Protein backbone atom coordinates (compact mmCIF):
# COMPACT_ATOMS: atom_id res chain seq x y z
CA MET A 1 166.27 -76.59 0.57
CA ASP A 2 163.92 -78.41 -1.80
CA SER A 3 166.80 -80.32 -3.42
CA VAL A 4 168.35 -81.32 -0.07
CA ILE A 5 167.41 -84.69 1.40
CA ARG A 6 165.60 -84.08 4.68
CA ARG A 7 167.45 -85.37 7.73
CA SER A 8 166.55 -85.81 11.37
CA ILE A 9 169.07 -84.07 13.62
CA PRO A 10 168.56 -84.50 17.39
CA PHE A 11 169.72 -81.79 19.76
CA SER A 12 172.23 -83.62 21.93
CA PRO A 13 172.16 -87.43 22.01
CA PRO A 14 174.70 -89.20 24.25
CA ASP A 15 177.88 -90.54 22.68
CA ILE A 16 177.62 -94.22 23.63
CA THR A 17 179.98 -96.77 22.09
CA GLU A 18 180.74 -100.43 22.63
CA ALA A 19 183.25 -99.37 25.29
CA GLU A 20 180.47 -97.95 27.51
CA ILE A 21 178.30 -101.01 26.93
CA GLN A 22 181.12 -103.33 27.92
CA GLU A 23 181.89 -101.34 31.09
CA VAL A 24 178.24 -101.44 32.15
CA THR A 25 178.04 -105.15 31.35
CA ASP A 26 181.13 -105.71 33.47
CA ALA A 27 179.48 -103.86 36.37
CA LEU A 28 176.27 -105.87 36.04
CA GLN A 29 178.14 -109.17 35.89
CA SER A 30 180.44 -108.27 38.79
CA GLY A 31 177.69 -108.66 41.38
CA TRP A 32 178.35 -105.11 42.61
CA ILE A 33 176.12 -102.46 41.04
CA THR A 34 175.83 -99.71 43.69
CA THR A 35 178.66 -97.44 44.90
CA GLY A 36 181.85 -99.47 44.69
CA PRO A 37 185.14 -99.89 42.82
CA LYS A 38 184.02 -98.33 39.53
CA THR A 39 182.75 -95.20 41.29
CA LYS A 40 186.03 -94.93 43.20
CA GLU A 41 188.04 -95.32 40.01
CA LEU A 42 185.99 -92.64 38.27
CA GLU A 43 186.61 -90.33 41.23
CA ARG A 44 190.35 -90.96 40.89
CA LEU A 45 190.33 -90.16 37.17
CA VAL A 46 188.22 -87.01 37.65
CA ALA A 47 190.63 -85.76 40.32
CA THR A 48 193.60 -86.53 38.08
CA ARG A 49 192.11 -84.59 35.17
CA CYS A 50 191.24 -81.65 37.43
CA LYS A 51 194.62 -81.75 39.21
CA THR A 52 192.97 -81.99 42.63
CA GLU A 53 193.67 -84.29 45.57
CA ARG A 54 190.21 -85.86 45.69
CA ALA A 55 186.91 -85.93 43.81
CA VAL A 56 183.49 -87.07 44.98
CA CYS A 57 181.04 -88.58 42.50
CA LEU A 58 177.35 -88.17 43.37
CA ASN A 59 174.06 -88.58 41.56
CA SER A 60 173.92 -85.04 40.15
CA ASN A 61 175.59 -81.66 39.97
CA THR A 62 172.69 -80.43 42.10
CA ALA A 63 173.54 -82.88 44.89
CA CYS A 64 177.20 -81.82 44.70
CA SER A 65 176.23 -78.16 45.04
CA GLU A 66 173.79 -78.67 47.90
CA LEU A 67 176.09 -80.93 49.90
CA THR A 68 178.94 -78.47 49.46
CA LEU A 69 176.81 -75.64 50.85
CA ARG A 70 175.77 -77.86 53.76
CA LEU A 71 179.35 -78.93 54.46
CA LEU A 72 180.38 -75.28 54.44
CA GLY A 73 177.76 -74.58 57.10
CA VAL A 74 175.77 -72.21 54.88
CA GLY A 75 172.20 -71.77 56.05
CA PRO A 76 169.59 -69.31 57.36
CA GLY A 77 170.94 -65.78 57.72
CA ASP A 78 173.58 -66.31 55.03
CA GLU A 79 173.51 -64.93 51.48
CA VAL A 80 174.68 -66.66 48.31
CA ILE A 81 175.06 -64.74 45.04
CA VAL A 82 174.14 -66.23 41.65
CA PRO A 83 173.67 -64.87 38.12
CA ALA A 84 170.12 -64.34 36.91
CA TYR A 85 171.02 -66.05 33.63
CA THR A 86 171.41 -69.70 34.54
CA TYR A 87 169.49 -72.92 35.10
CA THR A 88 167.39 -73.31 38.23
CA ALA A 89 169.78 -75.83 39.83
CA THR A 90 172.32 -73.05 40.41
CA ALA A 91 169.91 -71.22 42.72
CA SER A 92 167.53 -73.88 44.03
CA VAL A 93 170.22 -75.41 46.25
CA ILE A 94 170.47 -72.12 48.11
CA ALA A 95 166.78 -72.33 48.97
CA HIS A 96 167.25 -75.98 50.00
CA VAL A 97 169.73 -75.02 52.74
CA GLY A 98 167.64 -72.05 53.90
CA ALA A 99 170.05 -69.31 52.80
CA THR A 100 169.03 -66.17 50.88
CA ILE A 101 169.35 -66.08 47.09
CA VAL A 102 170.93 -62.86 45.79
CA MET A 103 170.71 -62.43 42.00
CA VAL A 104 172.93 -60.38 39.70
CA ASP A 105 172.05 -59.22 36.18
CA CYS A 106 174.16 -59.81 33.07
CA GLU A 107 176.52 -57.26 31.65
CA LYS A 108 175.02 -55.47 28.66
CA ASN A 109 175.25 -57.62 25.51
CA SER A 110 176.86 -60.46 27.43
CA PHE A 111 175.85 -63.73 29.08
CA ASN A 112 178.39 -63.01 31.84
CA TRP A 113 177.11 -61.51 35.06
CA ASP A 114 177.77 -57.82 35.70
CA TYR A 115 180.96 -57.80 37.77
CA GLN A 116 180.25 -54.36 39.21
CA GLN A 117 176.84 -55.57 40.36
CA LEU A 118 178.53 -58.64 41.82
CA GLU A 119 180.90 -56.46 43.82
CA ASP A 120 178.05 -54.25 45.02
CA ALA A 121 176.00 -57.31 46.07
CA ILE A 122 178.62 -58.64 48.50
CA THR A 123 177.72 -57.87 52.13
CA SER A 124 178.74 -59.09 55.56
CA LYS A 125 176.13 -61.85 55.11
CA THR A 126 177.63 -63.18 51.87
CA LYS A 127 179.24 -66.57 52.36
CA VAL A 128 179.41 -68.00 48.83
CA ILE A 129 179.19 -66.81 45.24
CA ILE A 130 178.35 -69.22 42.45
CA PRO A 131 179.79 -68.26 39.06
CA VAL A 132 178.48 -70.31 36.14
CA ASP A 133 180.58 -71.58 33.24
CA LEU A 134 177.75 -71.12 30.76
CA PHE A 135 177.85 -73.26 27.61
CA GLY A 136 181.28 -74.62 28.64
CA ILE A 137 182.98 -71.19 28.63
CA PRO A 138 184.74 -70.46 31.95
CA ALA A 139 183.73 -67.42 33.96
CA ASP A 140 186.32 -64.67 34.47
CA TYR A 141 187.80 -66.05 37.67
CA ASP A 142 190.58 -63.46 37.86
CA ARG A 143 187.97 -60.70 38.15
CA ILE A 144 185.95 -62.73 40.63
CA PHE A 145 188.87 -63.36 42.97
CA LYS A 146 189.95 -59.73 42.71
CA ILE A 147 186.46 -58.61 43.76
CA ILE A 148 186.20 -60.93 46.75
CA GLN A 149 189.68 -59.98 47.92
CA GLN A 150 188.62 -56.32 47.84
CA LYS A 151 185.58 -57.21 49.98
CA LYS A 152 187.51 -59.51 52.32
CA ASN A 153 187.08 -57.15 55.28
CA LEU A 154 183.31 -57.78 55.26
CA PHE A 155 183.61 -61.55 55.64
CA HIS A 156 183.16 -63.51 58.84
CA PRO A 157 182.57 -67.29 59.16
CA SER A 158 179.07 -68.63 59.76
CA GLN A 159 178.21 -70.05 63.15
CA ASN A 160 174.98 -71.81 62.32
CA HIS A 161 175.11 -75.08 64.21
CA PRO A 162 172.83 -75.23 67.28
CA ALA A 163 174.53 -75.35 70.66
CA GLY A 164 174.82 -78.79 72.19
CA GLN A 165 174.38 -80.67 68.88
CA PRO A 166 177.09 -82.72 67.12
CA VAL A 167 179.45 -80.34 65.38
CA ASP A 168 181.22 -82.61 62.90
CA PRO A 169 179.82 -81.26 59.58
CA SER A 170 179.18 -77.66 60.58
CA CYS A 171 182.39 -77.35 62.57
CA LEU A 172 184.31 -78.46 59.49
CA GLY A 173 182.43 -75.82 57.51
CA GLU A 174 183.39 -73.13 59.97
CA ARG A 175 187.02 -74.29 59.83
CA ILE A 176 186.95 -74.14 56.02
CA GLN A 177 185.39 -70.68 56.05
CA ALA A 178 187.89 -69.45 58.62
CA SER A 179 190.83 -70.93 56.71
CA ILE A 180 189.81 -69.38 53.39
CA GLY A 181 188.96 -66.15 55.19
CA ARG A 182 186.81 -64.61 52.44
CA VAL A 183 183.72 -65.29 50.40
CA ILE A 184 183.99 -68.82 48.95
CA VAL A 185 183.84 -69.34 45.20
CA MET A 186 181.78 -72.44 44.40
CA ALA A 187 181.67 -72.79 40.63
CA ASP A 188 178.66 -74.23 38.83
CA SER A 189 180.69 -75.98 36.16
CA ALA A 190 177.88 -78.25 35.00
CA HIS A 191 178.84 -77.39 31.42
CA SER A 192 182.61 -77.14 31.64
CA PHE A 193 184.25 -80.43 32.58
CA GLY A 194 187.36 -80.48 30.38
CA ALA A 195 187.61 -76.69 30.01
CA PHE A 196 190.69 -74.64 30.94
CA TYR A 197 191.16 -71.18 32.43
CA GLN A 198 194.57 -69.48 32.24
CA GLY A 199 196.10 -72.86 31.44
CA LYS A 200 194.55 -74.56 34.49
CA PRO A 201 191.85 -77.22 34.23
CA ILE A 202 188.44 -76.16 35.50
CA GLY A 203 188.23 -77.86 38.87
CA SER A 204 191.54 -76.40 40.04
CA VAL A 205 190.50 -72.74 39.73
CA ALA A 206 187.53 -72.10 42.05
CA ASP A 207 187.56 -73.08 45.73
CA PHE A 208 184.94 -75.77 45.02
CA THR A 209 183.76 -76.89 41.58
CA ASN A 210 180.66 -78.93 40.77
CA PHE A 211 180.28 -80.82 37.48
CA SER A 212 177.31 -82.45 35.80
CA PHE A 213 177.50 -85.83 34.04
CA HIS A 214 173.87 -85.72 32.90
CA ALA A 215 172.89 -87.46 29.66
CA VAL A 216 173.36 -84.34 27.50
CA LYS A 217 176.80 -83.41 28.86
CA ASN A 218 180.12 -84.00 27.08
CA LEU A 219 180.92 -86.73 29.60
CA THR A 220 177.89 -88.62 30.81
CA THR A 221 177.04 -91.19 33.45
CA ALA A 222 173.34 -90.94 32.43
CA GLU A 223 172.70 -89.11 35.70
CA GLY A 224 175.53 -87.96 37.90
CA GLY A 225 178.01 -85.33 38.88
CA ALA A 226 181.24 -84.69 40.74
CA VAL A 227 182.65 -82.14 43.15
CA VAL A 228 186.32 -81.23 43.47
CA TRP A 229 188.13 -78.60 45.55
CA ARG A 230 191.41 -76.79 45.78
CA LYS A 231 193.73 -77.60 48.68
CA ILE A 232 192.62 -75.65 51.77
CA ASP A 233 195.21 -74.76 54.42
CA GLY A 234 194.66 -76.73 57.59
CA ILE A 235 191.97 -78.95 56.05
CA ASP A 236 192.69 -82.60 55.30
CA SER A 237 191.16 -83.44 51.91
CA ASN A 238 190.58 -87.00 53.11
CA GLU A 239 188.57 -85.67 56.06
CA LEU A 240 186.51 -83.53 53.68
CA TYR A 241 186.00 -86.55 51.41
CA ARG A 242 184.74 -88.60 54.38
CA GLN A 243 182.24 -85.86 55.24
CA TYR A 244 180.88 -85.93 51.67
CA MET A 245 180.49 -89.70 52.04
CA LEU A 246 178.58 -89.27 55.30
CA PHE A 247 176.32 -86.63 53.82
CA SER A 248 175.59 -88.66 50.69
CA LEU A 249 174.94 -92.01 52.44
CA HIS A 250 172.50 -91.26 55.29
CA GLY A 251 175.29 -90.25 57.66
CA GLN A 252 176.34 -93.90 57.81
CA SER A 253 179.85 -94.39 59.13
CA LYS A 254 180.69 -97.29 56.82
CA GLU A 255 180.04 -97.61 53.10
CA ALA A 256 178.24 -100.67 51.75
CA LEU A 257 181.39 -101.99 50.08
CA ALA A 258 183.23 -102.01 53.41
CA LYS A 259 180.30 -103.61 55.24
CA VAL A 260 180.41 -106.77 53.09
CA GLU A 261 183.94 -107.58 54.19
CA SER A 262 184.00 -110.51 56.55
CA GLY A 263 182.95 -109.49 60.06
CA SER A 264 182.60 -105.81 59.12
CA TRP A 265 178.87 -105.30 59.38
CA GLU A 266 179.01 -102.89 62.34
CA TYR A 267 178.22 -99.25 61.57
CA ASP A 268 176.81 -96.07 63.08
CA VAL A 269 174.72 -93.17 61.75
CA SER A 270 176.14 -89.83 62.88
CA ALA A 271 173.20 -87.66 61.77
CA PRO A 272 169.98 -88.03 59.75
CA LEU A 273 171.54 -86.99 56.46
CA PHE A 274 170.94 -87.61 52.74
CA LYS A 275 171.09 -90.25 49.98
CA CYS A 276 172.62 -89.10 46.72
CA ASN A 277 175.51 -91.46 45.93
CA MET A 278 176.57 -92.53 42.45
CA THR A 279 176.24 -96.21 41.52
CA ASP A 280 178.82 -98.37 39.79
CA VAL A 281 176.42 -98.91 36.87
CA HIS A 282 176.42 -95.17 36.24
CA ALA A 283 180.14 -94.82 36.95
CA ALA A 284 180.86 -97.55 34.41
CA ILE A 285 179.53 -95.33 31.62
CA GLY A 286 181.71 -92.49 32.87
CA LEU A 287 184.83 -94.66 32.99
CA ALA A 288 184.54 -95.50 29.31
CA GLN A 289 183.76 -91.86 28.51
CA ILE A 290 186.67 -90.33 30.42
CA ARG A 291 189.18 -92.66 28.77
CA ARG A 292 188.28 -91.21 25.37
CA PHE A 293 187.27 -87.77 26.59
CA ASP A 294 189.98 -85.87 24.73
CA GLN A 295 188.59 -87.22 21.45
CA ILE A 296 185.09 -86.09 22.44
CA LEU A 297 186.33 -82.57 23.23
CA GLN A 298 188.32 -82.37 20.00
CA ARG A 299 185.29 -83.34 17.93
CA LYS A 300 183.16 -80.68 19.64
CA LYS A 301 185.86 -78.11 18.85
CA GLN A 302 185.90 -79.11 15.18
CA LEU A 303 182.14 -78.73 14.93
CA ILE A 304 182.13 -75.35 16.68
CA GLU A 305 184.75 -74.06 14.29
CA ARG A 306 182.72 -75.39 11.34
CA TYR A 307 179.62 -73.55 12.58
CA ASP A 308 181.58 -70.37 13.30
CA LYS A 309 183.02 -70.26 9.78
CA ALA A 310 179.60 -70.76 8.19
CA PHE A 311 177.78 -68.20 10.36
CA ARG A 312 180.36 -65.43 10.54
CA SER A 313 178.72 -63.31 7.83
CA LEU A 314 175.16 -63.81 9.09
CA PRO A 315 173.19 -61.25 11.18
CA VAL A 316 173.89 -63.20 14.37
CA THR A 317 176.16 -62.80 17.40
CA LEU A 318 178.46 -65.74 18.07
CA LEU A 319 180.26 -66.71 21.26
CA CYS A 320 184.01 -67.18 21.42
CA HIS A 321 184.85 -70.62 22.82
CA TYR A 322 188.63 -70.61 22.47
CA THR A 323 190.90 -67.70 23.45
CA ASP A 324 194.30 -67.05 25.01
CA GLN A 325 192.53 -66.75 28.39
CA TYR A 326 190.39 -69.89 28.29
CA LEU A 327 189.50 -73.04 26.37
CA SER A 328 185.83 -73.99 26.42
CA SER A 329 184.56 -77.52 26.80
CA GLY A 330 182.35 -76.78 23.79
CA HIS A 331 179.23 -78.00 25.56
CA LEU A 332 176.62 -75.86 23.76
CA TYR A 333 176.54 -73.86 20.53
CA VAL A 334 174.59 -70.71 21.29
CA VAL A 335 173.85 -67.80 18.92
CA ARG A 336 171.86 -64.60 19.28
CA LEU A 337 169.74 -63.49 16.33
CA ASN A 338 170.43 -59.78 15.96
CA ASP A 339 167.36 -57.54 16.23
CA ARG A 340 164.93 -60.47 16.57
CA THR A 341 162.29 -60.82 19.24
CA ARG A 342 161.59 -63.96 21.25
CA GLU A 343 158.51 -64.56 19.13
CA GLN A 344 160.52 -64.33 15.89
CA THR A 345 163.25 -66.54 17.33
CA ASN A 346 160.66 -69.12 18.37
CA ARG A 347 159.33 -69.16 14.80
CA ILE A 348 162.84 -69.91 13.58
CA ILE A 349 163.03 -72.79 16.06
CA MET A 350 159.72 -74.10 14.67
CA ARG A 351 160.99 -73.74 11.11
CA LEU A 352 164.10 -75.73 12.01
CA SER A 353 161.88 -78.38 13.56
CA SER A 354 159.88 -78.66 10.34
CA LEU A 355 163.19 -79.34 8.57
CA GLY A 356 164.11 -82.06 11.07
CA VAL A 357 166.54 -79.99 13.17
CA ALA A 358 166.00 -79.91 16.95
CA ALA A 359 167.00 -76.54 18.44
CA ASN A 360 166.67 -75.35 22.02
CA VAL A 361 166.89 -72.32 24.32
CA HIS A 362 169.45 -71.91 27.15
CA TYR A 363 168.00 -70.44 29.32
CA LYS A 364 165.00 -68.57 30.56
CA PRO A 365 166.45 -66.14 33.12
CA LEU A 366 165.48 -67.23 36.62
CA PRO A 367 163.13 -64.27 37.31
CA LEU A 368 160.91 -65.40 34.41
CA LEU A 369 160.21 -68.69 36.21
CA THR A 370 157.29 -69.05 38.60
CA ALA A 371 159.47 -70.38 41.42
CA TYR A 372 161.61 -67.25 41.50
CA ARG A 373 158.79 -64.82 40.81
CA ASN A 374 157.17 -66.30 43.91
CA LEU A 375 160.35 -65.48 45.83
CA GLY A 376 160.01 -61.84 44.79
CA PHE A 377 162.33 -61.63 41.80
CA ASP A 378 161.12 -59.40 38.95
CA ILE A 379 162.53 -59.69 35.42
CA ASN A 380 162.28 -55.91 35.09
CA SER A 381 165.17 -55.70 37.53
CA PHE A 382 167.30 -57.81 35.19
CA PRO A 383 166.93 -56.11 31.78
CA ASN A 384 170.24 -57.33 30.36
CA ALA A 385 169.46 -60.97 31.16
CA PHE A 386 166.10 -60.61 29.44
CA CYS A 387 167.75 -59.01 26.41
CA GLN A 388 170.16 -61.97 26.11
CA TYR A 389 167.29 -64.44 26.37
CA GLU A 390 164.99 -62.66 23.93
CA ASN A 391 166.84 -63.78 20.80
CA GLU A 392 168.94 -66.73 21.99
CA ILE A 393 168.90 -70.08 20.21
CA SER A 394 170.98 -73.23 20.82
CA LEU A 395 171.78 -75.37 17.79
CA PRO A 396 172.47 -79.13 17.79
CA LEU A 397 176.00 -79.99 18.86
CA TYR A 398 177.17 -83.47 19.82
CA SER A 399 180.37 -85.48 19.36
CA ARG A 400 178.73 -88.14 17.17
CA MET A 401 177.60 -85.50 14.67
CA THR A 402 179.10 -85.98 11.21
CA ASP A 403 180.32 -83.19 8.94
CA GLU A 404 177.37 -83.89 6.65
CA GLU A 405 174.92 -83.52 9.54
CA ALA A 406 176.59 -80.28 10.63
CA ASP A 407 176.35 -78.95 7.09
CA TYR A 408 172.66 -79.82 7.02
CA VAL A 409 172.11 -77.86 10.24
CA ILE A 410 174.01 -74.94 8.71
CA SER A 411 171.87 -74.99 5.56
CA CYS A 412 168.64 -75.24 7.53
CA PHE A 413 169.64 -72.43 9.89
CA ILE A 414 170.53 -70.11 7.02
CA GLU A 415 167.23 -70.93 5.33
CA ALA A 416 165.24 -70.46 8.54
CA ILE A 417 166.62 -67.04 9.48
CA GLY A 418 166.11 -65.91 5.90
CA SER A 419 162.47 -66.99 5.83
CA VAL A 420 161.26 -65.65 9.18
């Protein structure tokens, strides 16, 4: 490494071009910077890409997940199943709505949850399961749907709304639950916008799918997210869309854009709800991104293949991003360092840092975090998740990365694992 010119390689900077700058400028100059025409256009393009009837853009994946649970009527007395190996947002929304978090360990030597444990965890109280498309790689949805069909006899719709109160949101949730007639699959696809499973775009596979457009994602709106859903028998997607609008804008019956029309100020508030809409300034970034999104995904694929080729002979375990069953979005490049401890892996991260390469860890299993320990979760009950975490490292991967920068990361990584 002494003869190599030292570089500075960030972990995952956003891919911002003149196109994004011009879209944002257009929004700022338009006189309309909150939720408006650009947000609606981004929703249309997201739905088109996902092959769904509608999409709702909000201010985060977390908001999409929580509002979906609320619209489904999930609350106290209900159980929602999540993997132990994920980011806190997957599980925190369950606590927000007052339901019970049920956690499932990984399969041995895999980041996927243990499907037998998933099956065993489903009870008559289970209303939703939340598979996670970790690193951009879709979960095994065929196995998931097979499991919930086998447990269909245990399912009954929630009836959580208090008697005598308005039933609009919760009644819709009960109708959705009754129509689907089984545990609902609500995918945490924060990492996988643009991925495919069995030839279908992620967004058209699970019952509901929530995406993240955070700054580090393949498609960004700085902060933001979107929710899409498959067609549900007996449920009007436009009605469901309107309920998301109510929930995300204080329960107000008329959006701000409609209120500015001449003589259209009148509105009502149906319930004291939430505020988590996306703005047109944020949507403007996403509009420029989605129009060149295929190029972004293709560049990520090229870089993953470059890394894979360089690391194949090293004492590391690589993930497979592209198979006959699925195509990853290529969000993160994760490796496991065979036979290394967390302490040794952390020293490798520090060595990379000294060489100018920013590495990361995705993720600490939830039971290692104070919030979930305080809820009674013990990492000793999730040994496979801990084993996956103990030697995991995430290397820089972003669409603006050049071949020369990728080769520098490769050289530094090889040097680091050889020196620690």
